Amino acid sequence: APLASPLPVPRQRAPASLRLCARRARSALSVRAGGRAPHPQGALRNLAADNPENKEVIRKLGGIPPLVRMLHAGAGSLAAQQAAGALANLASNTTADQDAIRDAGGIAPLVKLLSAGEGSAAAQHAAGALWNMAAGNATNQDNIRKSGGIELLVKLLGAGAASEAAQQAAGALRNLA
């Protein structure tokens, strides 16, 4: 007897607020100079914190590549700082997001942000993102090493044990060992 055809599975829509944030993240870099750019990366950072469903929606709606592009704004940019924080949250305990960030070219700009030093919030968040990206992911570990991440992470340790940047760097180095 032929197998019964499966019942259609209703497609779930992402919450409207999450869809809006992902759309804004995709378009944030297209705002012209002098225009007022939205800062969805901070919202995406919060939505991705310890929420696997939101992380999946952000990835599937294309939110990762714009966050990676925002890293190129440099360590002095609020956009880069918040994007690095969002990527750190996305990469936490989520292999699919770790891979998507790598595939979007996120490792090299995260490593570059580390060079801003321990006083930089962007460097701190980048170290956290690299910590999470290296967790159990040999391909990312190799890419972080090849991008010069170990030397810059070791430099962040110089800030001392009380420094958040040093703590993030220590975690990343532990996952790279």
N, C-alpha and C. Protein backbone atom coordinates (compact mmCIF):
# COMPACT_ATOMS: atom_id res chain seq x y z
N ALA A 1 0.85 -1.18 0.00
CA ALA A 1 0.00 0.00 0.00
C ALA A 1 0.89 1.24 0.00
N PRO A 2 0.50 2.25 -0.76
CA PRO A 2 1.31 3.47 -0.79
C PRO A 2 1.26 4.17 0.56
N LEU A 3 2.36 4.84 0.85
CA LEU A 3 2.42 5.59 2.09
C LEU A 3 1.49 6.79 2.00
N ALA A 4 0.89 7.08 3.11
CA ALA A 4 0.02 8.25 3.15
C ALA A 4 0.88 9.50 3.01
N SER A 5 0.36 10.46 2.30
CA SER A 5 1.14 11.70 2.16
C SER A 5 1.10 12.45 3.49
N PRO A 6 2.24 13.04 3.84
CA PRO A 6 2.30 13.74 5.13
C PRO A 6 1.40 14.96 5.14
N LEU A 7 0.94 15.27 6.32
CA LEU A 7 0.13 16.47 6.46
C LEU A 7 1.01 17.69 6.25
N PRO A 8 0.48 18.72 5.64
CA PRO A 8 1.31 19.92 5.47
C PRO A 8 1.62 20.53 6.84
N VAL A 9 2.85 20.96 6.98
CA VAL A 9 3.27 21.59 8.21
C VAL A 9 3.09 23.09 8.05
N PRO A 10 2.32 23.70 8.94
CA PRO A 10 2.14 25.14 8.80
C PRO A 10 3.47 25.86 9.01
N ARG A 11 3.71 26.83 8.15
CA ARG A 11 4.95 27.60 8.26
C ARG A 11 4.75 28.68 9.30
N GLN A 12 5.68 28.72 10.24
CA GLN A 12 5.59 29.73 11.29
C GLN A 12 6.30 30.98 10.84
N ARG A 13 5.69 32.11 11.10
CA ARG A 13 6.31 33.39 10.78
C ARG A 13 7.04 33.91 12.00
N ALA A 14 8.15 34.56 11.73
CA ALA A 14 8.90 35.19 12.81
C ALA A 14 8.07 36.34 13.36
N PRO A 15 8.24 36.66 14.63
CA PRO A 15 7.53 37.81 15.19
C PRO A 15 7.85 39.06 14.37
N ALA A 16 6.87 39.93 14.26
CA ALA A 16 7.03 41.14 13.44
C ALA A 16 8.23 41.97 13.87
N SER A 17 8.47 42.08 15.18
CA SER A 17 9.60 42.89 15.64
C SER A 17 10.93 42.30 15.18
N LEU A 18 11.03 40.97 15.16
CA LEU A 18 12.26 40.33 14.73
C LEU A 18 12.43 40.47 13.22
N ARG A 19 11.35 40.34 12.46
CA ARG A 19 11.43 40.52 11.01
C ARG A 19 11.86 41.95 10.69
N LEU A 20 11.33 42.92 11.41
CA LEU A 20 11.69 44.32 11.19
C LEU A 20 13.16 44.55 11.49
N CYS A 21 13.67 44.02 12.60
CA CYS A 21 15.08 44.18 12.94
C CYS A 21 15.98 43.56 11.88
N ALA A 22 15.62 42.39 11.40
CA ALA A 22 16.44 41.73 10.38
C ALA A 22 16.44 42.55 9.09
N ARG A 23 15.27 43.09 8.70
CA ARG A 23 15.22 43.94 7.50
C ARG A 23 16.07 45.17 7.67
N ARG A 24 16.01 45.79 8.85
CA ARG A 24 16.81 46.98 9.10
C ARG A 24 18.30 46.65 9.09
N ALA A 25 18.64 45.49 9.61
CA ALA A 25 20.05 45.09 9.60
C ALA A 25 20.55 44.93 8.17
N ARG A 26 19.72 44.36 7.30
CA ARG A 26 20.13 44.19 5.91
C ARG A 26 20.30 45.52 5.20
N SER A 27 19.52 46.53 5.59
CA SER A 27 19.56 47.80 4.88
C SER A 27 20.36 48.89 5.58
N ALA A 28 20.87 48.65 6.76
CA ALA A 28 21.51 49.71 7.54
C ALA A 28 22.70 50.34 6.83
N LEU A 29 23.45 49.56 6.07
CA LEU A 29 24.63 50.10 5.41
C LEU A 29 24.29 50.88 4.15
N SER A 30 23.07 50.81 3.71
CA SER A 30 22.72 51.51 2.47
C SER A 30 22.29 52.95 2.72
N VAL A 31 22.23 53.38 3.98
CA VAL A 31 21.84 54.75 4.29
C VAL A 31 22.95 55.68 3.85
N ARG A 32 22.60 56.75 3.15
CA ARG A 32 23.57 57.71 2.64
C ARG A 32 24.16 58.56 3.76
N ALA A 33 25.35 59.09 3.50
CA ALA A 33 26.00 59.99 4.46
C ALA A 33 25.06 61.15 4.76
N GLY A 34 25.01 61.50 6.02
CA GLY A 34 24.14 62.59 6.44
C GLY A 34 22.74 62.11 6.78
N GLY A 35 22.41 60.89 6.32
CA GLY A 35 21.10 60.35 6.67
C GLY A 35 21.16 59.73 8.05
N ARG A 36 20.02 59.44 8.58
CA ARG A 36 19.99 58.86 9.92
C ARG A 36 19.82 57.36 9.79
N ALA A 37 20.86 56.64 10.12
CA ALA A 37 20.84 55.18 10.00
C ALA A 37 20.23 54.57 11.26
N PRO A 38 19.36 53.59 11.08
CA PRO A 38 18.85 52.88 12.26
C PRO A 38 19.99 52.05 12.83
N HIS A 39 19.90 51.70 14.10
CA HIS A 39 20.90 50.86 14.74
C HIS A 39 20.27 49.55 15.18
N PRO A 40 19.92 48.70 14.20
CA PRO A 40 19.26 47.44 14.53
C PRO A 40 20.20 46.42 15.16
N GLN A 41 21.51 46.63 15.01
CA GLN A 41 22.44 45.64 15.52
C GLN A 41 22.32 45.48 17.03
N GLY A 42 22.03 46.57 17.74
CA GLY A 42 21.83 46.48 19.19
C GLY A 42 20.59 45.66 19.52
N ALA A 43 19.53 45.88 18.74
CA ALA A 43 18.30 45.10 18.95
C ALA A 43 18.54 43.63 18.63
N LEU A 44 19.26 43.36 17.54
CA LEU A 44 19.55 41.98 17.19
C LEU A 44 20.43 41.32 18.26
N ARG A 45 21.34 42.10 18.83
CA ARG A 45 22.17 41.57 19.92
C ARG A 45 21.29 41.09 21.07
N ASN A 46 20.34 41.91 21.46
CA ASN A 46 19.45 41.55 22.56
C ASN A 46 18.54 40.38 22.20
N LEU A 47 18.02 40.38 20.98
CA LEU A 47 17.13 39.30 20.56
C LEU A 47 17.85 37.96 20.48
N ALA A 48 19.14 37.99 20.18
CA ALA A 48 19.90 36.74 20.02
C ALA A 48 20.41 36.19 21.35
N ALA A 49 20.36 36.98 22.40
CA ALA A 49 20.90 36.54 23.69
C ALA A 49 20.11 35.36 24.24
N ASP A 50 20.75 34.22 24.30
CA ASP A 50 20.16 33.01 24.88
C ASP A 50 18.78 32.67 24.34
N ASN A 51 18.57 32.86 23.04
CA ASN A 51 17.28 32.57 22.44
C ASN A 51 17.50 31.85 21.10
N PRO A 52 17.52 30.52 21.11
CA PRO A 52 17.79 29.76 19.89
C PRO A 52 16.82 30.05 18.75
N GLU A 53 15.55 30.28 19.08
CA GLU A 53 14.57 30.55 18.02
C GLU A 53 14.88 31.87 17.32
N ASN A 54 15.18 32.90 18.10
CA ASN A 54 15.51 34.19 17.50
C ASN A 54 16.79 34.11 16.68
N LYS A 55 17.77 33.36 17.17
CA LYS A 55 19.02 33.20 16.43
C LYS A 55 18.76 32.59 15.06
N GLU A 56 17.93 31.57 15.04
CA GLU A 56 17.62 30.90 13.77
C GLU A 56 16.91 31.85 12.81
N VAL A 57 15.97 32.62 13.33
CA VAL A 57 15.23 33.55 12.48
C VAL A 57 16.17 34.63 11.93
N ILE A 58 17.04 35.16 12.77
CA ILE A 58 17.99 36.18 12.32
C ILE A 58 18.85 35.62 11.19
N ARG A 59 19.35 34.39 11.36
CA ARG A 59 20.18 33.77 10.33
C ARG A 59 19.38 33.55 9.05
N LYS A 60 18.19 32.98 9.19
CA LYS A 60 17.40 32.65 8.00
C LYS A 60 16.89 33.88 7.26
N LEU A 61 16.70 34.98 7.97
CA LEU A 61 16.26 36.21 7.31
C LEU A 61 17.43 37.04 6.77
N GLY A 62 18.63 36.50 6.87
CA GLY A 62 19.79 37.18 6.28
C GLY A 62 20.38 38.26 7.15
N GLY A 63 20.24 38.17 8.47
CA GLY A 63 20.76 39.20 9.35
C GLY A 63 22.25 39.15 9.60
N ILE A 64 22.90 38.03 9.33
CA ILE A 64 24.33 37.90 9.64
C ILE A 64 25.23 38.68 8.68
N PRO A 65 25.07 38.57 7.37
CA PRO A 65 25.98 39.33 6.48
C PRO A 65 25.99 40.85 6.72
N PRO A 66 24.86 41.50 6.98
CA PRO A 66 24.94 42.94 7.28
C PRO A 66 25.69 43.23 8.58
N LEU A 67 25.55 42.35 9.57
CA LEU A 67 26.28 42.55 10.81
C LEU A 67 27.78 42.44 10.56
N VAL A 68 28.17 41.49 9.73
CA VAL A 68 29.59 41.35 9.38
C VAL A 68 30.08 42.59 8.65
N ARG A 69 29.29 43.12 7.72
CA ARG A 69 29.69 44.33 7.00
C ARG A 69 29.87 45.51 7.95
N MET A 70 29.05 45.58 8.99
CA MET A 70 29.16 46.69 9.95
C MET A 70 30.47 46.66 10.73
N LEU A 71 31.09 45.50 10.84
CA LEU A 71 32.37 45.40 11.53
C LEU A 71 33.44 46.24 10.84
N HIS A 72 33.31 46.42 9.54
CA HIS A 72 34.29 47.17 8.76
C HIS A 72 34.26 48.67 9.06
N ALA A 73 33.29 49.12 9.81
CA ALA A 73 33.24 50.54 10.19
C ALA A 73 34.34 50.88 11.18
N GLY A 74 34.95 49.90 11.80
CA GLY A 74 36.09 50.11 12.68
C GLY A 74 35.71 50.18 14.14
N ALA A 75 36.74 50.04 14.98
CA ALA A 75 36.55 49.94 16.42
C ALA A 75 35.94 51.18 17.04
N GLY A 76 36.10 52.34 16.42
CA GLY A 76 35.53 53.57 16.96
C GLY A 76 34.06 53.75 16.65
N SER A 77 33.51 52.83 15.90
CA SER A 77 32.11 52.93 15.46
C SER A 77 31.17 52.18 16.41
N LEU A 78 30.10 52.84 16.79
CA LEU A 78 29.07 52.20 17.60
C LEU A 78 28.46 51.02 16.83
N ALA A 79 28.31 51.19 15.53
CA ALA A 79 27.75 50.11 14.71
C ALA A 79 28.62 48.86 14.78
N ALA A 80 29.94 49.03 14.68
CA ALA A 80 30.84 47.87 14.73
C ALA A 80 30.81 47.24 16.12
N GLN A 81 30.79 48.07 17.14
CA GLN A 81 30.75 47.56 18.52
C GLN A 81 29.49 46.72 18.74
N GLN A 82 28.34 47.25 18.35
CA GLN A 82 27.09 46.53 18.56
C GLN A 82 26.99 45.30 17.66
N ALA A 83 27.52 45.41 16.44
CA ALA A 83 27.50 44.26 15.53
C ALA A 83 28.35 43.13 16.10
N ALA A 84 29.52 43.46 16.66
CA ALA A 84 30.37 42.43 17.26
C ALA A 84 29.65 41.77 18.44
N GLY A 85 28.93 42.55 19.24
CA GLY A 85 28.16 41.99 20.34
C GLY A 85 27.04 41.10 19.85
N ALA A 86 26.37 41.51 18.78
CA ALA A 86 25.30 40.69 18.20
C ALA A 86 25.87 39.37 17.68
N LEU A 87 27.01 39.44 16.99
CA LEU A 87 27.62 38.22 16.47
C LEU A 87 28.09 37.30 17.60
N ALA A 88 28.56 37.90 18.70
CA ALA A 88 28.94 37.08 19.85
C ALA A 88 27.74 36.30 20.37
N ASN A 89 26.61 36.97 20.49
CA ASN A 89 25.40 36.28 20.98
C ASN A 89 24.91 35.25 19.97
N LEU A 90 24.96 35.58 18.69
CA LEU A 90 24.52 34.62 17.68
C LEU A 90 25.38 33.37 17.68
N ALA A 91 26.69 33.51 17.88
CA ALA A 91 27.61 32.38 17.81
C ALA A 91 27.59 31.51 19.06
N SER A 92 26.98 31.99 20.12
CA SER A 92 26.96 31.25 21.38
C SER A 92 26.12 29.98 21.26
N ASN A 93 26.78 28.83 21.38
CA ASN A 93 26.11 27.53 21.38
C ASN A 93 25.29 27.24 20.13
N THR A 94 25.69 27.81 18.99
CA THR A 94 24.93 27.62 17.76
C THR A 94 25.89 27.40 16.60
N THR A 95 26.17 26.14 16.28
CA THR A 95 27.11 25.82 15.21
C THR A 95 26.68 26.42 13.88
N ALA A 96 25.39 26.39 13.58
CA ALA A 96 24.92 26.93 12.31
C ALA A 96 25.26 28.42 12.19
N ASP A 97 25.11 29.16 13.28
CA ASP A 97 25.45 30.59 13.24
C ASP A 97 26.95 30.79 13.21
N GLN A 98 27.70 29.96 13.93
CA GLN A 98 29.16 30.05 13.87
C GLN A 98 29.64 29.89 12.43
N ASP A 99 29.07 28.91 11.75
CA ASP A 99 29.44 28.66 10.36
C ASP A 99 28.98 29.79 9.44
N ALA A 100 27.78 30.31 9.68
CA ALA A 100 27.26 31.39 8.84
C ALA A 100 28.09 32.66 8.99
N ILE A 101 28.54 32.95 10.20
CA ILE A 101 29.39 34.12 10.42
C ILE A 101 30.71 33.95 9.68
N ARG A 102 31.31 32.76 9.78
CA ARG A 102 32.55 32.48 9.05
C ARG A 102 32.31 32.59 7.54
N ASP A 103 31.23 32.00 7.05
CA ASP A 103 30.94 32.02 5.62
C ASP A 103 30.68 33.43 5.10
N ALA A 104 30.20 34.31 5.97
CA ALA A 104 29.96 35.71 5.59
C ALA A 104 31.24 36.54 5.68
N GLY A 105 32.35 35.91 6.04
CA GLY A 105 33.62 36.62 6.12
C GLY A 105 33.84 37.34 7.44
N GLY A 106 33.22 36.86 8.52
CA GLY A 106 33.25 37.58 9.78
C GLY A 106 34.50 37.42 10.61
N ILE A 107 35.31 36.40 10.38
CA ILE A 107 36.45 36.17 11.26
C ILE A 107 37.51 37.26 11.11
N ALA A 108 37.92 37.59 9.92
CA ALA A 108 38.98 38.58 9.72
C ALA A 108 38.62 39.95 10.31
N PRO A 109 37.42 40.49 10.08
CA PRO A 109 37.12 41.79 10.69
C PRO A 109 36.99 41.73 12.21
N LEU A 110 36.55 40.60 12.75
CA LEU A 110 36.52 40.46 14.21
C LEU A 110 37.94 40.49 14.77
N VAL A 111 38.85 39.77 14.11
CA VAL A 111 40.25 39.77 14.54
C VAL A 111 40.82 41.19 14.44
N LYS A 112 40.50 41.88 13.37
CA LYS A 112 41.01 43.25 13.19
C LYS A 112 40.54 44.17 14.32
N LEU A 113 39.32 44.00 14.79
CA LEU A 113 38.81 44.83 15.88
C LEU A 113 39.61 44.64 17.17
N LEU A 114 40.21 43.47 17.35
CA LEU A 114 41.00 43.20 18.55
C LEU A 114 42.17 44.18 18.67
N SER A 115 42.67 44.65 17.54
CA SER A 115 43.85 45.53 17.56
C SER A 115 43.56 46.88 18.21
N ALA A 116 42.30 47.20 18.46
CA ALA A 116 41.96 48.46 19.13
C ALA A 116 42.37 48.43 20.60
N GLY A 117 42.64 47.26 21.15
CA GLY A 117 43.14 47.15 22.51
C GLY A 117 42.07 47.03 23.57
N GLU A 118 42.55 46.86 24.81
CA GLU A 118 41.66 46.54 25.92
C GLU A 118 40.68 47.65 26.28
N GLY A 119 40.95 48.88 25.90
CA GLY A 119 40.03 49.97 26.22
C GLY A 119 38.87 50.08 25.27
N SER A 120 38.85 49.27 24.26
CA SER A 120 37.83 49.35 23.22
C SER A 120 36.69 48.36 23.47
N ALA A 121 35.48 48.88 23.51
CA ALA A 121 34.31 48.00 23.65
C ALA A 121 34.18 47.09 22.44
N ALA A 122 34.55 47.60 21.25
CA ALA A 122 34.48 46.77 20.05
C ALA A 122 35.45 45.59 20.15
N ALA A 123 36.66 45.83 20.67
CA ALA A 123 37.63 44.75 20.84
C ALA A 123 37.12 43.73 21.85
N GLN A 124 36.51 44.22 22.91
CA GLN A 124 35.96 43.32 23.93
C GLN A 124 34.89 42.42 23.32
N HIS A 125 33.95 43.03 22.58
CA HIS A 125 32.88 42.24 21.97
C HIS A 125 33.42 41.31 20.89
N ALA A 126 34.43 41.77 20.15
CA ALA A 126 35.04 40.91 19.13
C ALA A 126 35.69 39.69 19.78
N ALA A 127 36.38 39.90 20.91
CA ALA A 127 36.97 38.77 21.63
C ALA A 127 35.90 37.79 22.08
N GLY A 128 34.77 38.32 22.53
CA GLY A 128 33.66 37.45 22.93
C GLY A 128 33.09 36.69 21.75
N ALA A 129 32.99 37.35 20.61
CA ALA A 129 32.49 36.67 19.41
C ALA A 129 33.45 35.56 18.99
N LEU A 130 34.75 35.84 19.03
CA LEU A 130 35.73 34.81 18.65
C LEU A 130 35.74 33.67 19.66
N TRP A 131 35.53 33.98 20.93
CA TRP A 131 35.41 32.94 21.96
C TRP A 131 34.30 31.98 21.56
N ASN A 132 33.12 32.53 21.25
CA ASN A 132 31.98 31.68 20.90
C ASN A 132 32.17 31.00 19.56
N MET A 133 32.79 31.67 18.61
CA MET A 133 32.99 31.08 17.28
C MET A 133 33.95 29.90 17.32
N ALA A 134 34.90 29.92 18.28
CA ALA A 134 35.89 28.85 18.38
C ALA A 134 35.41 27.66 19.19
N ALA A 135 34.28 27.80 19.86
CA ALA A 135 33.78 26.73 20.75
C ALA A 135 33.40 25.49 19.95
N GLY A 136 34.23 24.48 20.02
CA GLY A 136 33.93 23.20 19.37
C GLY A 136 33.87 23.27 17.87
N ASN A 137 34.48 24.27 17.25
CA ASN A 137 34.39 24.45 15.80
C ASN A 137 35.81 24.52 15.24
N ALA A 138 36.35 23.37 14.83
CA ALA A 138 37.74 23.28 14.37
C ALA A 138 38.02 24.17 13.16
N THR A 139 37.06 24.29 12.25
CA THR A 139 37.27 25.13 11.08
C THR A 139 37.43 26.58 11.49
N ASN A 140 36.58 27.05 12.40
CA ASN A 140 36.71 28.43 12.88
C ASN A 140 38.00 28.62 13.66
N GLN A 141 38.37 27.63 14.45
CA GLN A 141 39.62 27.72 15.20
C GLN A 141 40.79 27.93 14.25
N ASP A 142 40.83 27.14 13.19
CA ASP A 142 41.92 27.27 12.20
C ASP A 142 41.90 28.65 11.55
N ASN A 143 40.70 29.13 11.19
CA ASN A 143 40.60 30.44 10.54
C ASN A 143 41.01 31.58 11.47
N ILE A 144 40.66 31.47 12.74
CA ILE A 144 41.05 32.51 13.71
C ILE A 144 42.57 32.52 13.84
N ARG A 145 43.18 31.35 13.93
CA ARG A 145 44.64 31.26 14.02
C ARG A 145 45.30 31.87 12.78
N LYS A 146 44.80 31.50 11.60
CA LYS A 146 45.38 31.99 10.34
C LYS A 146 45.20 33.49 10.16
N SER A 147 44.18 34.06 10.80
CA SER A 147 43.92 35.51 10.70
C SER A 147 44.73 36.32 11.70
N GLY A 148 45.57 35.67 12.49
CA GLY A 148 46.40 36.37 13.47
C GLY A 148 45.70 36.64 14.78
N GLY A 149 44.64 35.93 15.05
CA GLY A 149 43.86 36.18 16.25
C GLY A 149 44.57 35.86 17.56
N ILE A 150 45.41 34.85 17.56
CA ILE A 150 46.05 34.46 18.83
C ILE A 150 46.92 35.57 19.38
N GLU A 151 47.75 36.17 18.55
CA GLU A 151 48.65 37.24 19.00
C GLU A 151 47.85 38.41 19.59
N LEU A 152 46.77 38.80 18.91
CA LEU A 152 45.97 39.94 19.39
C LEU A 152 45.19 39.59 20.66
N LEU A 153 44.74 38.36 20.76
CA LEU A 153 44.05 37.93 21.98
C LEU A 153 45.01 37.92 23.17
N VAL A 154 46.23 37.46 22.94
CA VAL A 154 47.24 37.46 24.00
C VAL A 154 47.52 38.88 24.47
N LYS A 155 47.57 39.85 23.54
CA LYS A 155 47.80 41.25 23.91
C LYS A 155 46.68 41.76 24.82
N LEU A 156 45.44 41.33 24.58
CA LEU A 156 44.32 41.77 25.42
C LEU A 156 44.46 41.25 26.85
N LEU A 157 45.15 40.14 27.03
CA LEU A 157 45.35 39.60 28.38
C LEU A 157 46.13 40.58 29.25
N GLY A 158 46.92 41.44 28.64
CA GLY A 158 47.72 42.41 29.38
C GLY A 158 46.90 43.39 30.19
N ALA A 159 45.62 43.47 29.94
CA ALA A 159 44.75 44.39 30.68
C ALA A 159 44.51 43.92 32.11
N GLY A 160 44.82 42.67 32.41
CA GLY A 160 44.64 42.15 33.76
C GLY A 160 43.34 41.41 33.95
N ALA A 161 43.29 40.65 35.02
CA ALA A 161 42.15 39.75 35.28
C ALA A 161 40.83 40.48 35.50
N ALA A 162 40.88 41.72 35.94
CA ALA A 162 39.65 42.46 36.19
C ALA A 162 39.03 43.02 34.90
N SER A 163 39.77 42.99 33.82
CA SER A 163 39.30 43.55 32.55
C SER A 163 38.36 42.58 31.83
N GLU A 164 37.23 43.09 31.41
CA GLU A 164 36.28 42.27 30.63
C GLU A 164 36.91 41.83 29.31
N ALA A 165 37.68 42.71 28.70
CA ALA A 165 38.34 42.35 27.44
C ALA A 165 39.30 41.19 27.66
N ALA A 166 40.07 41.23 28.75
CA ALA A 166 41.00 40.15 29.05
C ALA A 166 40.26 38.84 29.33
N GLN A 167 39.14 38.93 30.02
CA GLN A 167 38.36 37.72 30.31
C GLN A 167 37.82 37.10 29.02
N GLN A 168 37.32 37.96 28.12
CA GLN A 168 36.82 37.45 26.83
C GLN A 168 37.96 36.83 26.03
N ALA A 169 39.13 37.49 26.04
CA ALA A 169 40.28 36.98 25.31
C ALA A 169 40.73 35.64 25.89
N ALA A 170 40.74 35.52 27.21
CA ALA A 170 41.13 34.26 27.85
C ALA A 170 40.19 33.13 27.44
N GLY A 171 38.91 33.40 27.37
CA GLY A 171 37.95 32.39 26.92
C GLY A 171 38.20 31.98 25.49
N ALA A 172 38.48 32.96 24.64
CA ALA A 172 38.76 32.64 23.23
C ALA A 172 40.02 31.81 23.12
N LEU A 173 41.07 32.19 23.86
CA LEU A 173 42.32 31.42 23.81
C LEU A 173 42.12 29.99 24.34
N ARG A 174 41.30 29.84 25.34
CA ARG A 174 41.01 28.50 25.88
C ARG A 174 40.35 27.64 24.78
N ASN A 175 39.42 28.23 24.03
CA ASN A 175 38.75 27.47 22.98
C ASN A 175 39.66 27.22 21.78
N LEU A 176 40.71 28.02 21.64
CA LEU A 176 41.65 27.83 20.53
C LEU A 176 42.77 26.85 20.88
N ALA A 177 42.90 26.50 22.17
CA ALA A 177 44.00 25.62 22.60
C ALA A 177 43.78 24.19 22.14
